[in-house]
Protein backbone atom coordinates (compact mmCIF):
# COMPACT_ATOMS: atom_id res chain seq x y z
CA UNK A 1 11.14 46.20 -3.33
CA UNK A 2 8.19 47.22 -5.48
CA UNK A 3 4.72 47.08 -3.92
CA UNK A 4 2.49 44.12 -4.70
CA UNK A 5 -0.69 44.54 -6.70
CA UNK A 6 -4.00 43.88 -4.98
CA UNK A 7 -5.12 40.38 -5.90
CA UNK A 8 -1.70 39.43 -7.19
CA UNK A 9 0.31 36.53 -5.93
CA UNK A 10 1.97 37.92 -2.81
CA UNK A 11 5.18 36.14 -3.69
CA UNK A 12 5.45 38.05 -6.97
CA UNK A 13 5.95 41.78 -7.16
CA UNK A 14 4.54 43.82 -10.03
CA UNK A 15 7.90 44.28 -11.74
CA UNK A 16 8.13 40.58 -12.55
CA UNK A 17 5.55 38.51 -14.45
CA UNK A 18 4.14 35.60 -12.46
CA UNK A 19 4.62 33.19 -15.41
CA UNK A 20 6.95 33.07 -18.31
CA UNK A 21 5.16 34.23 -21.46
CA UNK A 22 3.87 31.44 -23.68
CA UNK A 23 3.96 28.84 -20.92
CA UNK A 24 0.54 27.35 -20.23
CA UNK A 25 -0.74 26.95 -16.69
CA UNK A 26 -0.72 23.37 -15.39
CA UNK A 27 -3.93 21.46 -15.94
CA UNK A 28 -5.60 20.15 -12.79
CA UNK A 29 -8.19 17.44 -12.97
CA UNK A 30 -10.01 15.75 -10.16
CA UNK A 31 -11.65 12.41 -10.54
CA UNK A 32 -14.32 11.00 -8.32
CA UNK A 33 -14.11 7.64 -6.57
CA UNK A 34 -14.20 4.59 -8.75
CA UNK A 35 -17.01 2.14 -8.78
CA UNK A 36 -15.87 -1.39 -8.10
CA UNK A 37 -16.84 -4.24 -10.39
CA UNK A 38 -16.91 -7.87 -9.27
CA UNK A 39 -14.87 -10.20 -11.48
CA UNK A 40 -14.79 -13.98 -11.61
CA UNK A 41 -11.50 -15.54 -10.51
CA UNK A 42 -10.18 -19.09 -10.68
CA UNK A 43 -11.15 -21.55 -7.92
CA UNK A 44 -14.44 -19.81 -7.24
CA UNK A 45 -12.76 -16.92 -5.42
CA UNK A 46 -13.88 -13.38 -6.10
CA UNK A 47 -11.95 -10.32 -7.18
CA UNK A 48 -12.68 -6.64 -7.48
CA UNK A 49 -11.39 -4.46 -10.29
CA UNK A 50 -11.79 -0.74 -9.89
CA UNK A 51 -11.76 1.58 -12.90
CA UNK A 52 -8.03 2.13 -12.49
CA UNK A 53 -7.30 -1.57 -12.99
CA UNK A 54 -6.90 -2.51 -9.33
CA UNK A 55 -7.47 -6.20 -8.66
CA UNK A 56 -8.03 -7.70 -5.22
CA UNK A 57 -8.11 -11.52 -5.29
CA UNK A 58 -8.26 -14.14 -2.58
CA UNK A 59 -5.30 -16.37 -3.39
CA UNK A 60 -5.32 -18.77 -0.44
CA UNK A 61 -7.07 -19.31 2.90
CA UNK A 62 -5.52 -21.19 5.81
CA UNK A 63 -7.58 -21.25 9.00
CA UNK A 64 -8.33 -17.66 9.98
CA UNK A 65 -5.69 -16.26 7.59
CA UNK A 66 -6.34 -15.25 3.99
CA UNK A 67 -3.71 -14.32 1.41
CA UNK A 68 -5.08 -11.46 -0.68
CA UNK A 69 -3.25 -10.68 -3.93
CA UNK A 70 -3.44 -6.97 -4.76
CA UNK A 71 -2.45 -5.88 -8.27
CA UNK A 72 -2.49 -2.57 -10.13
CA UNK A 73 -2.28 1.00 -8.93
CA UNK A 74 -3.69 2.27 -5.66
CA UNK A 75 -4.58 5.94 -5.95
CA UNK A 76 -7.50 8.29 -5.38
CA UNK A 77 -9.64 6.41 -7.91
CA UNK A 78 -9.04 2.93 -6.50
CA UNK A 79 -8.32 3.45 -2.79
CA UNK A 80 -11.97 3.21 -1.72
CA UNK A 81 -12.42 -0.07 -3.56
CA UNK A 82 -9.32 -1.50 -1.84
CA UNK A 83 -10.52 -0.42 1.62
CA UNK A 84 -14.03 -1.79 1.10
CA UNK A 85 -12.79 -5.08 -0.31
CA UNK A 86 -10.29 -5.72 2.50
CA UNK A 87 -12.95 -5.08 5.14
CA UNK A 88 -15.42 -7.30 3.27
CA UNK A 89 -12.91 -10.15 2.96
CA UNK A 90 -12.03 -9.95 6.64
CA UNK A 91 -15.70 -10.31 7.52
CA UNK A 92 -15.93 -13.47 5.41
CA UNK A 93 -13.05 -15.31 7.09
CA UNK A 94 -14.12 -18.39 9.04
CA UNK A 95 -14.09 -18.53 12.81
CA UNK A 96 -15.09 -16.19 15.57
CA UNK A 97 -11.57 -15.56 16.88
CA UNK A 98 -8.89 -13.21 15.57
CA UNK A 99 -8.49 -13.26 11.81
CA UNK A 100 -5.64 -12.06 9.61
CA UNK A 101 -5.46 -10.72 6.06
CA UNK A 102 -2.09 -10.99 4.34
CA UNK A 103 -2.07 -8.38 1.56
CA UNK A 104 0.50 -9.33 -1.09
CA UNK A 105 1.66 -6.11 -2.77
CA UNK A 106 4.11 -7.80 -5.17
CA UNK A 107 2.01 -6.71 -8.18
CA UNK A 108 1.21 -3.19 -6.92
CA UNK A 109 2.98 -0.81 -9.28
CA UNK A 110 2.01 2.40 -7.46
CA UNK A 111 0.53 3.43 -4.11
CA UNK A 112 0.00 7.07 -3.16
CA UNK A 113 -1.22 8.82 -0.01
CA UNK A 114 -4.84 7.89 -0.79
CA UNK A 115 -3.77 4.25 -0.90
CA UNK A 116 -2.02 4.56 2.45
CA UNK A 117 -5.14 6.19 3.87
CA UNK A 118 -7.28 3.31 2.57
CA UNK A 119 -4.95 0.77 4.21
CA UNK A 120 -5.12 2.62 7.53
CA UNK A 121 -8.93 2.88 7.34
CA UNK A 122 -9.24 -0.84 6.56
CA UNK A 123 -6.76 -1.68 9.31
CA UNK A 124 -8.72 0.38 11.85
CA UNK A 125 -12.01 -1.35 11.01
CA UNK A 126 -10.42 -4.79 11.00
CA UNK A 127 -8.50 -4.16 14.26
CA UNK A 128 -11.75 -3.07 15.94
CA UNK A 129 -13.06 -6.55 15.11
CA UNK A 130 -9.94 -8.21 16.57
CA UNK A 131 -8.12 -8.82 13.28
CA UNK A 132 -5.05 -7.53 11.54
CA UNK A 133 -3.58 -6.76 8.13
CA UNK A 134 -0.10 -7.99 7.29
CA UNK A 135 1.72 -6.58 4.25
CA UNK A 136 4.08 -8.57 2.07
CA UNK A 137 5.92 -7.96 -1.18
CA UNK A 138 6.01 -4.21 -0.59
CA UNK A 139 8.26 -2.42 -3.10
CA UNK A 140 11.16 -0.31 -1.75
CA UNK A 141 9.48 3.02 -2.64
CA UNK A 142 6.28 1.97 -0.89
CA UNK A 143 8.23 0.68 2.10
CA UNK A 144 9.99 4.04 2.30
CA UNK A 145 6.58 5.78 2.45
CA UNK A 146 5.52 3.46 5.27
CA UNK A 147 8.68 4.35 7.18
CA UNK A 148 8.50 8.11 6.52
CA UNK A 149 4.87 8.28 7.64
CA UNK A 150 5.41 5.97 10.63
CA UNK A 151 2.78 3.56 9.33
CA UNK A 152 5.23 0.65 9.50
CA UNK A 153 4.27 0.54 13.20
CA UNK A 154 0.66 -0.29 12.30
CA UNK A 155 1.40 -3.14 9.92
CA UNK A 156 3.63 -6.19 10.14
CA UNK A 157 5.66 -6.08 6.91
CA UNK A 158 7.34 -9.17 5.42
CA UNK A 159 9.51 -9.39 2.32
CA UNK A 160 7.83 -12.53 0.93
CA UNK A 161 4.59 -14.43 1.37
CA UNK A 162 6.55 -17.50 2.50
CA UNK A 163 7.94 -15.47 5.43
CA UNK A 164 4.38 -14.83 6.63
CA UNK A 165 3.37 -18.50 6.49
CA UNK A 166 6.62 -19.51 8.25
CA UNK A 167 6.01 -16.99 11.02
CA UNK A 168 2.28 -17.66 11.21
CA UNK A 169 1.11 -17.62 14.73
CA UNK A 170 -1.97 -16.06 16.20
CA UNK A 171 -2.76 -12.54 15.00
CA UNK A 172 -1.23 -9.73 17.02
CA UNK A 173 -4.56 -8.93 18.69
CA UNK A 174 -4.54 -12.23 20.57
CA UNK A 175 -0.85 -12.31 21.60
């Protein structure tokens, strides 16, 4: 094996070029966090749309449970807005006892690791206050990520919103 050049990629020896000629290097871009913008929503509810098109709307409130419709893509640009909005909505729920947010992911086209991190961060803050986040309408690819990462143990996951209302009992923190 030929010796490696100093400063060269240690996986490439000097007899072989590190890239095929004429092939450009991949472009890497980093974007900062997105600023959230409040949007008006029907029935006087509020929504947040981050620069990436993420929408977080209150769809329905029943007692200490709120159905939150999440739509768009959850990635590095929008994850912070999702986390902040879920925590904010939990704080607005009526009552001093345990409160539950049901996040409907039916209209979420994409959720990456940053999105999962935002959900965990929101869940931790909400659980510290005695509440919980329930997920519904999670796509198969997103459900697979929850299973692979073990995060399915942190969140109750239901196939449909109706399943959540049918099984509605007190939040897990008070059981």
